Amino acid sequence: MKFINSNFVPVKLHVGEDAEAVEKFKAEWTPTIIVAEPDGTVHHRSVGFLPPKEFMAQLAFGIAKANFSKGNYPAASAGFKTVIAQYAECDCAPEAVYWLGVSEYKRTGSADAMTAEWQVLFEKYPDSIWAKKASFIKDK
């Protein structure tokens, strides 16, 4: 609760009572966790129940994605590193490694910085969809 209240403004919508909000945020199933700006800009979403550790990983990932979307690449990189360090076994960890590489590229302008992070992706999560998405660099 402390992490959530320190980093988010929790909003609870009942799908049967607030059809306009449900439509606006495309909440097609419950629970839907959305990391968004006050103007409604969505940075990350997770649909369906998650055990506590996976839930926390998704929230931390959402913060990093929000920073990335806002162009704050140093904060995004730090956030993705936190997800990787604290939630390495969680389902969003390979995606965090992928986006860490992209954040480092955006932050430094160096493709080598991205490639270095993606090498970690290939080593730690070789069968993930995120390793497949980065596989084009293996052909170079």
N, C-alpha and C. Protein backbone atom coordinates (compact mmCIF):
# COMPACT_ATOMS: atom_id res chain seq x y z
N MET A 1 0.82 -1.19 0.00
CA MET A 1 0.00 0.00 0.00
C MET A 1 0.86 1.25 0.00
N LYS A 2 1.96 1.22 0.76
CA LYS A 2 2.84 2.40 0.83
C LYS A 2 3.39 2.73 -0.56
N PHE A 3 3.88 1.71 -1.29
CA PHE A 3 4.41 1.94 -2.62
C PHE A 3 3.35 2.52 -3.55
N ILE A 4 2.17 1.95 -3.49
CA ILE A 4 1.09 2.43 -4.36
C ILE A 4 0.72 3.86 -4.02
N ASN A 5 0.50 4.14 -2.76
CA ASN A 5 0.09 5.49 -2.37
C ASN A 5 1.18 6.53 -2.59
N SER A 6 2.45 6.11 -2.59
CA SER A 6 3.55 7.03 -2.83
C SER A 6 3.75 7.34 -4.31
N ASN A 7 3.31 6.44 -5.18
CA ASN A 7 3.60 6.58 -6.60
C ASN A 7 2.39 6.73 -7.51
N PHE A 8 1.21 6.49 -6.97
CA PHE A 8 0.02 6.49 -7.81
C PHE A 8 -1.14 7.19 -7.11
N VAL A 9 -2.14 7.52 -7.91
CA VAL A 9 -3.42 7.93 -7.36
C VAL A 9 -4.38 6.79 -7.73
N PRO A 10 -4.61 5.88 -6.78
CA PRO A 10 -5.46 4.73 -7.10
C PRO A 10 -6.90 5.17 -7.37
N VAL A 11 -7.47 4.62 -8.44
CA VAL A 11 -8.85 4.88 -8.80
C VAL A 11 -9.52 3.54 -9.02
N LYS A 12 -10.64 3.35 -8.38
CA LYS A 12 -11.37 2.09 -8.53
C LYS A 12 -12.65 2.39 -9.31
N LEU A 13 -12.82 1.65 -10.40
CA LEU A 13 -14.02 1.79 -11.21
C LEU A 13 -14.76 0.46 -11.20
N HIS A 14 -16.03 0.53 -11.06
CA HIS A 14 -16.86 -0.67 -11.14
C HIS A 14 -17.38 -0.78 -12.57
N VAL A 15 -17.05 -1.88 -13.24
CA VAL A 15 -17.39 -2.00 -14.66
C VAL A 15 -18.88 -1.90 -14.92
N GLY A 16 -19.69 -2.24 -13.96
CA GLY A 16 -21.13 -2.16 -14.16
C GLY A 16 -21.72 -0.80 -13.85
N GLU A 17 -20.93 0.10 -13.29
CA GLU A 17 -21.46 1.39 -12.85
C GLU A 17 -20.88 2.60 -13.56
N ASP A 18 -19.72 2.47 -14.19
CA ASP A 18 -19.09 3.62 -14.83
C ASP A 18 -18.71 3.27 -16.26
N ALA A 19 -19.70 3.10 -17.09
CA ALA A 19 -19.49 2.65 -18.47
C ALA A 19 -18.62 3.62 -19.27
N GLU A 20 -18.74 4.91 -19.02
CA GLU A 20 -17.95 5.90 -19.76
C GLU A 20 -16.45 5.72 -19.48
N ALA A 21 -16.09 5.59 -18.22
CA ALA A 21 -14.68 5.40 -17.86
C ALA A 21 -14.17 4.06 -18.36
N VAL A 22 -14.99 3.02 -18.25
CA VAL A 22 -14.61 1.69 -18.73
C VAL A 22 -14.33 1.75 -20.23
N GLU A 23 -15.16 2.44 -20.98
CA GLU A 23 -14.97 2.59 -22.42
C GLU A 23 -13.72 3.41 -22.72
N LYS A 24 -13.54 4.52 -22.01
CA LYS A 24 -12.39 5.40 -22.24
C LYS A 24 -11.08 4.66 -22.06
N PHE A 25 -11.00 3.84 -21.03
CA PHE A 25 -9.75 3.14 -20.73
C PHE A 25 -9.72 1.71 -21.28
N LYS A 26 -10.75 1.32 -22.02
CA LYS A 26 -10.80 -0.01 -22.63
C LYS A 26 -10.57 -1.12 -21.60
N ALA A 27 -11.23 -1.00 -20.48
CA ALA A 27 -11.15 -2.01 -19.43
C ALA A 27 -12.13 -3.12 -19.77
N GLU A 28 -11.63 -4.11 -20.49
CA GLU A 28 -12.48 -5.17 -21.01
C GLU A 28 -12.61 -6.36 -20.07
N TRP A 29 -11.77 -6.41 -19.05
CA TRP A 29 -11.79 -7.51 -18.10
C TRP A 29 -11.30 -6.99 -16.76
N THR A 30 -11.59 -7.73 -15.73
CA THR A 30 -11.22 -7.28 -14.40
C THR A 30 -10.30 -8.28 -13.73
N PRO A 31 -9.35 -7.87 -12.97
CA PRO A 31 -8.97 -6.48 -12.78
C PRO A 31 -8.11 -5.97 -13.95
N THR A 32 -8.24 -4.71 -14.26
CA THR A 32 -7.37 -4.04 -15.21
C THR A 32 -6.62 -2.96 -14.45
N ILE A 33 -5.31 -3.05 -14.46
CA ILE A 33 -4.46 -2.07 -13.80
C ILE A 33 -3.87 -1.19 -14.90
N ILE A 34 -4.09 0.11 -14.79
CA ILE A 34 -3.63 1.06 -15.80
C ILE A 34 -2.74 2.10 -15.15
N VAL A 35 -1.58 2.32 -15.74
CA VAL A 35 -0.70 3.41 -15.33
C VAL A 35 -0.91 4.50 -16.37
N ALA A 36 -1.50 5.61 -15.92
CA ALA A 36 -1.88 6.68 -16.85
C ALA A 36 -1.62 8.05 -16.24
N GLU A 37 -1.62 9.03 -17.11
CA GLU A 37 -1.50 10.43 -16.70
C GLU A 37 -2.89 10.95 -16.32
N PRO A 38 -2.93 12.07 -15.61
CA PRO A 38 -4.24 12.65 -15.29
C PRO A 38 -5.10 12.97 -16.52
N ASP A 39 -4.44 13.24 -17.67
CA ASP A 39 -5.21 13.52 -18.89
C ASP A 39 -5.72 12.25 -19.57
N GLY A 40 -5.39 11.09 -19.01
CA GLY A 40 -5.86 9.83 -19.57
C GLY A 40 -4.86 9.11 -20.45
N THR A 41 -3.70 9.69 -20.69
CA THR A 41 -2.67 9.04 -21.49
C THR A 41 -2.20 7.78 -20.77
N VAL A 42 -2.40 6.65 -21.41
CA VAL A 42 -2.04 5.36 -20.81
C VAL A 42 -0.60 5.01 -21.18
N HIS A 43 0.19 4.67 -20.18
CA HIS A 43 1.58 4.26 -20.39
C HIS A 43 1.75 2.75 -20.29
N HIS A 44 0.92 2.11 -19.49
CA HIS A 44 1.05 0.67 -19.29
C HIS A 44 -0.26 0.12 -18.75
N ARG A 45 -0.55 -1.12 -19.09
CA ARG A 45 -1.73 -1.79 -18.56
C ARG A 45 -1.44 -3.27 -18.34
N SER A 46 -2.12 -3.80 -17.36
CA SER A 46 -2.04 -5.22 -17.05
C SER A 46 -3.46 -5.69 -16.79
N VAL A 47 -3.84 -6.77 -17.44
CA VAL A 47 -5.20 -7.28 -17.32
C VAL A 47 -5.17 -8.65 -16.67
N GLY A 48 -6.04 -8.84 -15.68
CA GLY A 48 -6.16 -10.12 -14.99
C GLY A 48 -5.45 -10.12 -13.66
N PHE A 49 -5.85 -11.03 -12.82
CA PHE A 49 -5.28 -11.16 -11.48
C PHE A 49 -3.80 -11.53 -11.57
N LEU A 50 -3.01 -10.96 -10.67
CA LEU A 50 -1.60 -11.31 -10.53
C LEU A 50 -1.28 -11.55 -9.06
N PRO A 51 -0.41 -12.51 -8.78
CA PRO A 51 0.08 -12.66 -7.40
C PRO A 51 0.82 -11.39 -6.99
N PRO A 52 0.97 -11.15 -5.69
CA PRO A 52 1.54 -9.88 -5.22
C PRO A 52 2.87 -9.48 -5.86
N LYS A 53 3.83 -10.39 -5.98
CA LYS A 53 5.13 -10.02 -6.54
C LYS A 53 5.02 -9.61 -8.01
N GLU A 54 4.24 -10.35 -8.77
CA GLU A 54 4.02 -10.00 -10.18
C GLU A 54 3.28 -8.66 -10.30
N PHE A 55 2.34 -8.43 -9.41
CA PHE A 55 1.59 -7.16 -9.38
C PHE A 55 2.54 -6.00 -9.13
N MET A 56 3.42 -6.14 -8.14
CA MET A 56 4.37 -5.08 -7.83
C MET A 56 5.35 -4.86 -8.98
N ALA A 57 5.76 -5.93 -9.63
CA ALA A 57 6.65 -5.81 -10.79
C ALA A 57 5.98 -5.02 -11.90
N GLN A 58 4.70 -5.29 -12.13
CA GLN A 58 3.96 -4.56 -13.17
C GLN A 58 3.84 -3.07 -12.83
N LEU A 59 3.61 -2.76 -11.57
CA LEU A 59 3.53 -1.35 -11.17
C LEU A 59 4.86 -0.64 -11.37
N ALA A 60 5.95 -1.29 -10.95
CA ALA A 60 7.28 -0.69 -11.13
C ALA A 60 7.61 -0.54 -12.61
N PHE A 61 7.23 -1.53 -13.40
CA PHE A 61 7.44 -1.46 -14.84
C PHE A 61 6.64 -0.29 -15.43
N GLY A 62 5.41 -0.12 -14.95
CA GLY A 62 4.56 0.96 -15.44
C GLY A 62 5.17 2.33 -15.18
N ILE A 63 5.79 2.50 -14.02
CA ILE A 63 6.46 3.78 -13.72
C ILE A 63 7.60 4.01 -14.71
N ALA A 64 8.39 2.97 -14.96
CA ALA A 64 9.51 3.11 -15.90
C ALA A 64 9.00 3.43 -17.31
N LYS A 65 7.92 2.77 -17.72
CA LYS A 65 7.35 3.05 -19.04
C LYS A 65 6.82 4.48 -19.13
N ALA A 66 6.22 4.96 -18.05
CA ALA A 66 5.73 6.35 -18.04
C ALA A 66 6.90 7.31 -18.22
N ASN A 67 7.99 7.08 -17.52
CA ASN A 67 9.17 7.93 -17.67
C ASN A 67 9.72 7.86 -19.09
N PHE A 68 9.73 6.68 -19.67
CA PHE A 68 10.20 6.53 -21.05
C PHE A 68 9.31 7.33 -21.99
N SER A 69 8.00 7.19 -21.85
CA SER A 69 7.05 7.87 -22.73
C SER A 69 7.17 9.39 -22.64
N LYS A 70 7.58 9.87 -21.47
CA LYS A 70 7.74 11.31 -21.28
C LYS A 70 9.13 11.80 -21.68
N GLY A 71 9.97 10.89 -22.18
CA GLY A 71 11.30 11.27 -22.62
C GLY A 71 12.32 11.41 -21.51
N ASN A 72 11.97 10.95 -20.32
CA ASN A 72 12.91 11.00 -19.19
C ASN A 72 13.67 9.67 -19.18
N TYR A 73 14.63 9.55 -20.10
CA TYR A 73 15.34 8.29 -20.30
C TYR A 73 16.22 7.89 -19.12
N PRO A 74 16.87 8.82 -18.42
CA PRO A 74 17.63 8.40 -17.24
C PRO A 74 16.73 7.75 -16.17
N ALA A 75 15.57 8.36 -15.92
CA ALA A 75 14.64 7.79 -14.93
C ALA A 75 14.05 6.47 -15.44
N ALA A 76 13.78 6.40 -16.75
CA ALA A 76 13.27 5.15 -17.32
C ALA A 76 14.29 4.03 -17.15
N SER A 77 15.56 4.32 -17.49
CA SER A 77 16.61 3.31 -17.35
C SER A 77 16.72 2.84 -15.90
N ALA A 78 16.70 3.80 -14.98
CA ALA A 78 16.77 3.44 -13.55
C ALA A 78 15.59 2.57 -13.15
N GLY A 79 14.41 2.89 -13.63
CA GLY A 79 13.22 2.11 -13.31
C GLY A 79 13.27 0.71 -13.88
N PHE A 80 13.71 0.59 -15.14
CA PHE A 80 13.83 -0.74 -15.73
C PHE A 80 14.89 -1.56 -15.00
N LYS A 81 15.98 -0.92 -14.58
CA LYS A 81 17.01 -1.63 -13.81
C LYS A 81 16.45 -2.12 -12.48
N THR A 82 15.59 -1.34 -11.87
CA THR A 82 14.94 -1.76 -10.62
C THR A 82 14.08 -3.00 -10.85
N VAL A 83 13.30 -2.98 -11.91
CA VAL A 83 12.45 -4.15 -12.22
C VAL A 83 13.33 -5.37 -12.42
N ILE A 84 14.40 -5.23 -13.18
CA ILE A 84 15.29 -6.36 -13.48
C ILE A 84 15.94 -6.88 -12.20
N ALA A 85 16.37 -5.98 -11.33
CA ALA A 85 17.06 -6.39 -10.10
C ALA A 85 16.12 -7.01 -9.08
N GLN A 86 14.94 -6.43 -8.92
CA GLN A 86 14.03 -6.88 -7.86
C GLN A 86 13.06 -7.97 -8.32
N TYR A 87 12.82 -8.06 -9.62
CA TYR A 87 11.79 -8.96 -10.12
C TYR A 87 12.29 -9.79 -11.31
N ALA A 88 13.53 -10.24 -11.25
CA ALA A 88 14.15 -10.94 -12.37
C ALA A 88 13.38 -12.18 -12.82
N GLU A 89 12.66 -12.81 -11.88
CA GLU A 89 11.92 -14.03 -12.24
C GLU A 89 10.48 -13.73 -12.66
N CYS A 90 10.08 -12.48 -12.63
CA CYS A 90 8.71 -12.11 -13.00
C CYS A 90 8.56 -12.02 -14.52
N ASP A 91 7.33 -12.14 -14.97
CA ASP A 91 7.06 -12.18 -16.40
C ASP A 91 7.43 -10.91 -17.15
N CYS A 92 7.46 -9.76 -16.47
CA CYS A 92 7.78 -8.52 -17.16
C CYS A 92 9.28 -8.24 -17.21
N ALA A 93 10.10 -9.06 -16.60
CA ALA A 93 11.56 -8.82 -16.58
C ALA A 93 12.18 -8.81 -17.97
N PRO A 94 11.86 -9.77 -18.86
CA PRO A 94 12.45 -9.69 -20.20
C PRO A 94 12.06 -8.41 -20.94
N GLU A 95 10.83 -7.99 -20.77
CA GLU A 95 10.39 -6.74 -21.40
C GLU A 95 11.14 -5.55 -20.80
N ALA A 96 11.41 -5.60 -19.50
CA ALA A 96 12.17 -4.52 -18.86
C ALA A 96 13.59 -4.47 -19.43
N VAL A 97 14.20 -5.63 -19.68
CA VAL A 97 15.55 -5.64 -20.27
C VAL A 97 15.50 -5.05 -21.68
N TYR A 98 14.49 -5.42 -22.45
CA TYR A 98 14.34 -4.87 -23.80
C TYR A 98 14.24 -3.35 -23.76
N TRP A 99 13.35 -2.84 -22.91
CA TRP A 99 13.14 -1.40 -22.85
C TRP A 99 14.31 -0.69 -22.20
N LEU A 100 15.06 -1.37 -21.34
CA LEU A 100 16.29 -0.77 -20.81
C LEU A 100 17.26 -0.50 -21.96
N GLY A 101 17.38 -1.46 -22.86
CA GLY A 101 18.24 -1.25 -24.03
C GLY A 101 17.80 -0.06 -24.86
N VAL A 102 16.50 0.04 -25.10
CA VAL A 102 15.98 1.17 -25.87
C VAL A 102 16.20 2.48 -25.12
N SER A 103 15.98 2.47 -23.82
CA SER A 103 16.19 3.68 -23.00
C SER A 103 17.65 4.12 -23.05
N GLU A 104 18.55 3.15 -22.96
CA GLU A 104 19.97 3.48 -23.01
C GLU A 104 20.36 4.04 -24.38
N TYR A 105 19.77 3.50 -25.43
CA TYR A 105 20.01 4.04 -26.76
C TYR A 105 19.50 5.48 -26.84
N LYS A 106 18.30 5.71 -26.36
CA LYS A 106 17.72 7.06 -26.39
C LYS A 106 18.52 8.01 -25.50
N ARG A 107 18.98 7.52 -24.36
CA ARG A 107 19.71 8.36 -23.41
C ARG A 107 21.09 8.74 -23.94
N THR A 108 21.79 7.78 -24.56
CA THR A 108 23.17 8.00 -24.96
C THR A 108 23.36 8.24 -26.46
N GLY A 109 22.40 7.80 -27.26
CA GLY A 109 22.57 7.87 -28.71
C GLY A 109 23.45 6.75 -29.25
N SER A 110 23.79 5.81 -28.41
CA SER A 110 24.71 4.74 -28.77
C SER A 110 23.97 3.42 -28.98
N ALA A 111 24.10 2.89 -30.18
CA ALA A 111 23.53 1.57 -30.45
C ALA A 111 24.27 0.51 -29.63
N ASP A 112 25.54 0.76 -29.32
CA ASP A 112 26.31 -0.18 -28.51
C ASP A 112 25.70 -0.33 -27.11
N ALA A 113 25.19 0.78 -26.57
CA ALA A 113 24.56 0.72 -25.24
C ALA A 113 23.32 -0.17 -25.29
N MET A 114 22.55 -0.05 -26.36
CA MET A 114 21.36 -0.88 -26.52
C MET A 114 21.76 -2.34 -26.69
N THR A 115 22.74 -2.57 -27.55
CA THR A 115 23.18 -3.93 -27.83
C THR A 115 23.70 -4.62 -26.58
N ALA A 116 24.40 -3.88 -25.74
CA ALA A 116 24.92 -4.47 -24.50
C ALA A 116 23.79 -4.97 -23.61
N GLU A 117 22.73 -4.19 -23.48
CA GLU A 117 21.59 -4.61 -22.67
C GLU A 117 20.88 -5.78 -23.32
N TRP A 118 20.75 -5.74 -24.63
CA TRP A 118 20.07 -6.83 -25.31
C TRP A 118 20.86 -8.13 -25.26
N GLN A 119 22.17 -8.06 -25.11
CA GLN A 119 22.95 -9.29 -24.91
C GLN A 119 22.53 -9.98 -23.62
N VAL A 120 22.22 -9.17 -22.60
CA VAL A 120 21.69 -9.72 -21.34
C VAL A 120 20.36 -10.41 -21.60
N LEU A 121 19.55 -9.79 -22.42
CA LEU A 121 18.25 -10.36 -22.80
C LEU A 121 18.44 -11.72 -23.46
N PHE A 122 19.37 -11.82 -24.39
CA PHE A 122 19.63 -13.09 -25.08
C PHE A 122 20.16 -14.16 -24.13
N GLU A 123 20.96 -13.74 -23.16
CA GLU A 123 21.55 -14.70 -22.22
C GLU A 123 20.57 -15.16 -21.14
N LYS A 124 19.83 -14.22 -20.56
CA LYS A 124 18.96 -14.56 -19.43
C LYS A 124 17.56 -15.01 -19.85
N TYR A 125 17.07 -14.48 -20.97
CA TYR A 125 15.69 -14.77 -21.39
C TYR A 125 15.66 -15.12 -22.88
N PRO A 126 16.42 -16.11 -23.32
CA PRO A 126 16.56 -16.39 -24.75
C PRO A 126 15.27 -16.81 -25.44
N ASP A 127 14.33 -17.39 -24.71
CA ASP A 127 13.10 -17.86 -25.32
C ASP A 127 11.95 -16.86 -25.22
N SER A 128 12.23 -15.69 -24.69
CA SER A 128 11.16 -14.70 -24.52
C SER A 128 10.83 -14.03 -25.86
N ILE A 129 9.62 -13.53 -25.95
CA ILE A 129 9.21 -12.78 -27.14
C ILE A 129 10.08 -11.54 -27.30
N TRP A 130 10.57 -11.00 -26.18
CA TRP A 130 11.39 -9.78 -26.22
C TRP A 130 12.76 -10.07 -26.81
N ALA A 131 13.31 -11.24 -26.58
CA ALA A 131 14.57 -11.63 -27.24
C ALA A 131 14.33 -11.77 -28.74
N LYS A 132 13.19 -12.30 -29.11
CA LYS A 132 12.87 -12.42 -30.53
C LYS A 132 12.74 -11.03 -31.17
N LYS A 133 12.15 -10.09 -30.46
CA LYS A 133 11.98 -8.74 -30.99
C LYS A 133 13.31 -8.03 -31.18
N ALA A 134 14.31 -8.41 -30.39
CA ALA A 134 15.64 -7.79 -30.47
C ALA A 134 16.58 -8.60 -31.37
N SER A 135 16.14 -9.73 -31.88
CA SER A 135 17.02 -10.65 -32.60
C SER A 135 17.60 -10.08 -33.89
N PHE A 136 17.03 -9.02 -34.40
CA PHE A 136 17.55 -8.45 -35.64
C PHE A 136 19.00 -7.98 -35.46
N ILE A 137 19.42 -7.66 -34.24
CA ILE A 137 20.80 -7.20 -34.05
C ILE A 137 21.79 -8.36 -34.13
N LYS A 138 21.30 -9.58 -33.98
CA LYS A 138 22.20 -10.74 -34.07
C LYS A 138 22.69 -10.94 -35.50
N ASP A 139 21.91 -10.47 -36.46
CA ASP A 139 22.24 -10.66 -37.87
C ASP A 139 23.24 -9.64 -38.39
N LYS A 140 23.62 -8.68 -37.55
CA LYS A 140 24.53 -7.61 -38.01
C LYS A 140 25.96 -7.96 -37.72
